Amino acid sequence: MVSSILKRVDTVLEFKDKLLKLKGMSSSESSSYFLASFEADYLLRVIDREESCSRFSSMKFVMYPNGSGVDLFIGDDVEVLSEKFGWKWRELRNV
């Protein structure tokens, strides 16, 4: 669910907004949002921590195979590692 959100947004701000909405759905919607809300909460904390430490013009996110998660990628070799491990990745503008 989080990876589908990541594919539809262009900026970190948009991504955070969608993650906040997803996080809020866990209590008001069905239990199918339970795990996705945990993942959204984790990503929001990681993004906020990264933003507080330094200012980047963009952030890279990796989507692990078989729907097993999304994470913030720190480093310059995302292309090499994505190819090696079968990850997909997106870079979002940090506006």
N, C-alpha and C. Protein backbone atom coordinates (compact mmCIF):
# COMPACT_ATOMS: atom_id res chain seq x y z
N MET A 1 0.81 -1.18 0.00
CA MET A 1 0.00 0.00 0.00
C MET A 1 0.88 1.27 0.00
N VAL A 2 1.93 1.30 0.84
CA VAL A 2 2.82 2.46 0.89
C VAL A 2 3.58 2.60 -0.42
N SER A 3 3.99 1.48 -1.01
CA SER A 3 4.72 1.57 -2.28
C SER A 3 3.84 2.13 -3.39
N SER A 4 2.55 1.84 -3.37
CA SER A 4 1.67 2.41 -4.39
C SER A 4 1.51 3.92 -4.20
N ILE A 5 1.53 4.37 -2.96
CA ILE A 5 1.50 5.81 -2.69
C ILE A 5 2.77 6.45 -3.21
N LEU A 6 3.91 5.82 -2.93
CA LEU A 6 5.20 6.34 -3.36
C LEU A 6 5.26 6.50 -4.88
N LYS A 7 4.68 5.59 -5.60
CA LYS A 7 4.69 5.64 -7.06
C LYS A 7 3.85 6.80 -7.61
N ARG A 8 2.90 7.31 -6.83
CA ARG A 8 1.97 8.34 -7.32
C ARG A 8 2.35 9.76 -6.93
N VAL A 9 3.38 9.94 -6.12
CA VAL A 9 3.72 11.29 -5.67
C VAL A 9 5.03 11.76 -6.29
N ASP A 10 5.26 13.09 -6.25
CA ASP A 10 6.47 13.66 -6.83
C ASP A 10 7.36 14.36 -5.82
N THR A 11 6.80 14.69 -4.65
CA THR A 11 7.58 15.42 -3.67
C THR A 11 7.50 14.73 -2.31
N VAL A 12 8.48 15.02 -1.47
CA VAL A 12 8.48 14.47 -0.12
C VAL A 12 7.27 15.00 0.66
N LEU A 13 6.93 16.25 0.45
CA LEU A 13 5.78 16.83 1.14
C LEU A 13 4.48 16.10 0.79
N GLU A 14 4.29 15.78 -0.48
CA GLU A 14 3.10 15.01 -0.90
C GLU A 14 3.10 13.64 -0.24
N PHE A 15 4.28 13.00 -0.23
CA PHE A 15 4.41 11.67 0.35
C PHE A 15 4.06 11.70 1.84
N LYS A 16 4.58 12.68 2.56
CA LYS A 16 4.28 12.81 3.98
C LYS A 16 2.79 13.03 4.21
N ASP A 17 2.17 13.83 3.38
CA ASP A 17 0.74 14.09 3.51
C ASP A 17 -0.07 12.81 3.34
N LYS A 18 0.27 12.03 2.33
CA LYS A 18 -0.44 10.77 2.08
C LYS A 18 -0.18 9.77 3.20
N LEU A 19 1.06 9.76 3.72
CA LEU A 19 1.37 8.85 4.83
C LEU A 19 0.59 9.22 6.09
N LEU A 20 0.45 10.50 6.35
CA LEU A 20 -0.35 10.95 7.50
C LEU A 20 -1.80 10.51 7.38
N LYS A 21 -2.35 10.61 6.17
CA LYS A 21 -3.73 10.16 5.94
C LYS A 21 -3.85 8.66 6.16
N LEU A 22 -2.87 7.91 5.65
CA LEU A 22 -2.88 6.46 5.82
C LEU A 22 -2.75 6.09 7.30
N LYS A 23 -1.89 6.77 8.00
CA LYS A 23 -1.71 6.52 9.43
C LYS A 23 -3.02 6.75 10.19
N GLY A 24 -3.77 7.77 9.81
CA GLY A 24 -5.03 8.06 10.47
C GLY A 24 -6.14 7.08 10.14
N MET A 25 -6.01 6.36 9.03
CA MET A 25 -7.06 5.41 8.62
C MET A 25 -7.09 4.16 9.48
N SER A 26 -6.00 3.85 10.15
CA SER A 26 -5.94 2.59 10.88
C SER A 26 -7.02 2.46 11.94
N SER A 27 -7.32 3.55 12.61
CA SER A 27 -8.32 3.45 13.68
C SER A 27 -9.74 3.60 13.16
N SER A 28 -9.91 4.29 12.05
CA SER A 28 -11.27 4.54 11.58
C SER A 28 -11.72 3.56 10.49
N GLU A 29 -10.80 2.87 9.88
CA GLU A 29 -11.14 1.94 8.81
C GLU A 29 -10.94 0.50 9.27
N SER A 30 -10.93 -0.43 8.32
CA SER A 30 -10.79 -1.85 8.66
C SER A 30 -9.36 -2.18 9.10
N SER A 31 -9.20 -3.37 9.60
CA SER A 31 -7.89 -3.82 10.08
C SER A 31 -6.87 -4.01 8.95
N SER A 32 -7.32 -3.94 7.70
CA SER A 32 -6.38 -4.10 6.59
C SER A 32 -5.37 -2.95 6.52
N TYR A 33 -5.69 -1.84 7.16
CA TYR A 33 -4.77 -0.70 7.17
C TYR A 33 -3.80 -0.73 8.34
N PHE A 34 -3.94 -1.71 9.21
CA PHE A 34 -3.15 -1.76 10.43
C PHE A 34 -1.65 -1.79 10.15
N LEU A 35 -1.18 -2.73 9.35
CA LEU A 35 0.25 -2.85 9.04
C LEU A 35 0.74 -1.65 8.24
N ALA A 36 -0.06 -1.21 7.28
CA ALA A 36 0.33 -0.06 6.47
C ALA A 36 0.47 1.19 7.32
N SER A 37 -0.35 1.32 8.36
CA SER A 37 -0.24 2.50 9.23
C SER A 37 1.05 2.46 10.04
N PHE A 38 1.50 1.27 10.43
CA PHE A 38 2.78 1.16 11.12
C PHE A 38 3.93 1.55 10.20
N GLU A 39 3.87 1.08 8.96
CA GLU A 39 4.90 1.43 7.99
C GLU A 39 4.90 2.94 7.72
N ALA A 40 3.73 3.52 7.62
CA ALA A 40 3.62 4.97 7.41
C ALA A 40 4.22 5.73 8.59
N ASP A 41 3.92 5.29 9.80
CA ASP A 41 4.46 5.93 11.00
C ASP A 41 5.99 5.86 11.01
N TYR A 42 6.53 4.71 10.70
CA TYR A 42 7.98 4.53 10.64
C TYR A 42 8.60 5.48 9.62
N LEU A 43 8.05 5.52 8.42
CA LEU A 43 8.61 6.37 7.36
C LEU A 43 8.50 7.85 7.73
N LEU A 44 7.42 8.26 8.34
CA LEU A 44 7.29 9.65 8.77
C LEU A 44 8.38 10.02 9.78
N ARG A 45 8.66 9.12 10.72
CA ARG A 45 9.72 9.39 11.70
C ARG A 45 11.09 9.47 11.04
N VAL A 46 11.37 8.56 10.09
CA VAL A 46 12.66 8.55 9.39
C VAL A 46 12.83 9.82 8.55
N ILE A 47 11.79 10.21 7.85
CA ILE A 47 11.84 11.41 7.01
C ILE A 47 12.05 12.64 7.89
N ASP A 48 11.30 12.75 8.97
CA ASP A 48 11.45 13.90 9.87
C ASP A 48 12.85 13.97 10.47
N ARG A 49 13.38 12.83 10.86
CA ARG A 49 14.74 12.79 11.42
C ARG A 49 15.76 13.24 10.38
N GLU A 50 15.62 12.77 9.17
CA GLU A 50 16.55 13.15 8.10
C GLU A 50 16.44 14.63 7.78
N GLU A 51 15.23 15.15 7.76
CA GLU A 51 15.03 16.57 7.48
C GLU A 51 15.60 17.45 8.59
N SER A 52 15.54 16.98 9.82
CA SER A 52 16.05 17.79 10.93
C SER A 52 17.58 17.81 10.97
N CYS A 53 18.20 16.78 10.44
CA CYS A 53 19.67 16.69 10.47
C CYS A 53 20.32 17.47 9.34
N SER A 54 19.71 17.45 8.18
CA SER A 54 20.32 18.11 7.03
C SER A 54 19.24 18.45 6.00
N ARG A 55 19.62 19.28 5.07
CA ARG A 55 18.68 19.71 4.03
C ARG A 55 19.13 19.15 2.69
N PHE A 56 18.30 18.32 2.10
CA PHE A 56 18.58 17.72 0.80
C PHE A 56 17.60 18.27 -0.23
N SER A 57 18.03 18.33 -1.48
CA SER A 57 17.12 18.76 -2.53
C SER A 57 16.17 17.63 -2.93
N SER A 58 16.55 16.39 -2.56
CA SER A 58 15.68 15.25 -2.85
C SER A 58 15.98 14.12 -1.86
N MET A 59 15.08 13.16 -1.82
CA MET A 59 15.26 11.96 -1.00
C MET A 59 14.98 10.75 -1.87
N LYS A 60 15.76 9.70 -1.65
CA LYS A 60 15.58 8.45 -2.40
C LYS A 60 14.93 7.41 -1.50
N PHE A 61 13.97 6.70 -2.06
CA PHE A 61 13.27 5.65 -1.35
C PHE A 61 13.37 4.36 -2.15
N VAL A 62 13.60 3.24 -1.45
CA VAL A 62 13.64 1.94 -2.11
C VAL A 62 12.37 1.18 -1.75
N MET A 63 11.89 0.41 -2.73
CA MET A 63 10.75 -0.47 -2.53
C MET A 63 11.28 -1.89 -2.67
N TYR A 64 11.18 -2.63 -1.60
CA TYR A 64 11.72 -3.99 -1.59
C TYR A 64 10.80 -4.93 -2.36
N PRO A 65 11.36 -6.02 -2.89
CA PRO A 65 10.56 -6.96 -3.69
C PRO A 65 9.44 -7.62 -2.87
N ASN A 66 8.45 -8.11 -3.58
CA ASN A 66 7.33 -8.86 -3.00
C ASN A 66 6.54 -8.05 -1.97
N GLY A 67 6.50 -6.74 -2.15
CA GLY A 67 5.72 -5.90 -1.25
C GLY A 67 6.20 -5.92 0.19
N SER A 68 7.49 -6.17 0.40
CA SER A 68 7.97 -6.32 1.78
C SER A 68 8.42 -5.02 2.43
N GLY A 69 8.12 -3.88 1.81
CA GLY A 69 8.38 -2.63 2.50
C GLY A 69 9.01 -1.55 1.66
N VAL A 70 9.04 -0.37 2.25
CA VAL A 70 9.63 0.83 1.65
C VAL A 70 10.54 1.43 2.70
N ASP A 71 11.67 1.97 2.27
CA ASP A 71 12.58 2.61 3.21
C ASP A 71 13.30 3.76 2.55
N LEU A 72 13.76 4.68 3.37
CA LEU A 72 14.57 5.80 2.90
C LEU A 72 15.96 5.27 2.59
N PHE A 73 16.53 5.67 1.48
CA PHE A 73 17.87 5.24 1.09
C PHE A 73 18.82 6.41 1.26
N ILE A 74 19.90 6.19 1.98
CA ILE A 74 20.92 7.21 2.16
C ILE A 74 22.18 6.72 1.49
N GLY A 75 22.68 7.47 0.53
CA GLY A 75 23.88 7.09 -0.20
C GLY A 75 23.74 7.42 -1.67
N ASP A 76 24.79 7.12 -2.40
CA ASP A 76 24.81 7.46 -3.82
C ASP A 76 24.70 6.26 -4.75
N ASP A 77 24.76 5.06 -4.23
CA ASP A 77 24.81 3.87 -5.09
C ASP A 77 23.48 3.12 -5.16
N VAL A 78 22.38 3.86 -5.16
CA VAL A 78 21.06 3.22 -5.19
C VAL A 78 20.85 2.42 -6.47
N GLU A 79 21.37 2.90 -7.59
CA GLU A 79 21.19 2.18 -8.86
C GLU A 79 21.86 0.81 -8.82
N VAL A 80 23.09 0.77 -8.32
CA VAL A 80 23.85 -0.49 -8.26
C VAL A 80 23.18 -1.47 -7.32
N LEU A 81 22.82 -1.01 -6.13
CA LEU A 81 22.20 -1.90 -5.15
C LEU A 81 20.81 -2.34 -5.58
N SER A 82 20.06 -1.45 -6.22
CA SER A 82 18.73 -1.82 -6.70
C SER A 82 18.81 -2.92 -7.73
N GLU A 83 19.77 -2.79 -8.62
CA GLU A 83 19.94 -3.83 -9.65
C GLU A 83 20.38 -5.14 -9.02
N LYS A 84 21.29 -5.07 -8.07
CA LYS A 84 21.82 -6.27 -7.42
C LYS A 84 20.76 -7.02 -6.62
N PHE A 85 19.92 -6.29 -5.90
CA PHE A 85 18.95 -6.93 -5.00
C PHE A 85 17.52 -6.93 -5.52
N GLY A 86 17.28 -6.37 -6.70
CA GLY A 86 15.93 -6.39 -7.27
C GLY A 86 14.99 -5.35 -6.67
N TRP A 87 15.55 -4.28 -6.11
CA TRP A 87 14.73 -3.20 -5.56
C TRP A 87 14.26 -2.29 -6.67
N LYS A 88 13.16 -1.63 -6.44
CA LYS A 88 12.74 -0.49 -7.26
C LYS A 88 12.98 0.73 -6.40
N TRP A 89 13.18 1.87 -7.02
CA TRP A 89 13.43 3.07 -6.21
C TRP A 89 12.84 4.29 -6.87
N ARG A 90 12.58 5.30 -6.04
CA ARG A 90 12.05 6.58 -6.50
C ARG A 90 12.82 7.69 -5.79
N GLU A 91 13.03 8.77 -6.51
CA GLU A 91 13.62 9.95 -5.91
C GLU A 91 12.55 11.03 -5.91
N LEU A 92 12.30 11.59 -4.74
CA LEU A 92 11.29 12.63 -4.59
C LEU A 92 11.96 13.96 -4.28
N ARG A 93 11.45 15.01 -4.89
CA ARG A 93 11.96 16.36 -4.62
C ARG A 93 11.58 16.74 -3.19
N ASN A 94 12.49 17.41 -2.53
CA ASN A 94 12.23 17.90 -1.18
C ASN A 94 11.99 19.39 -1.28
N VAL A 95 10.73 19.77 -1.40
CA VAL A 95 10.37 21.17 -1.61
C VAL A 95 10.03 21.84 -0.31
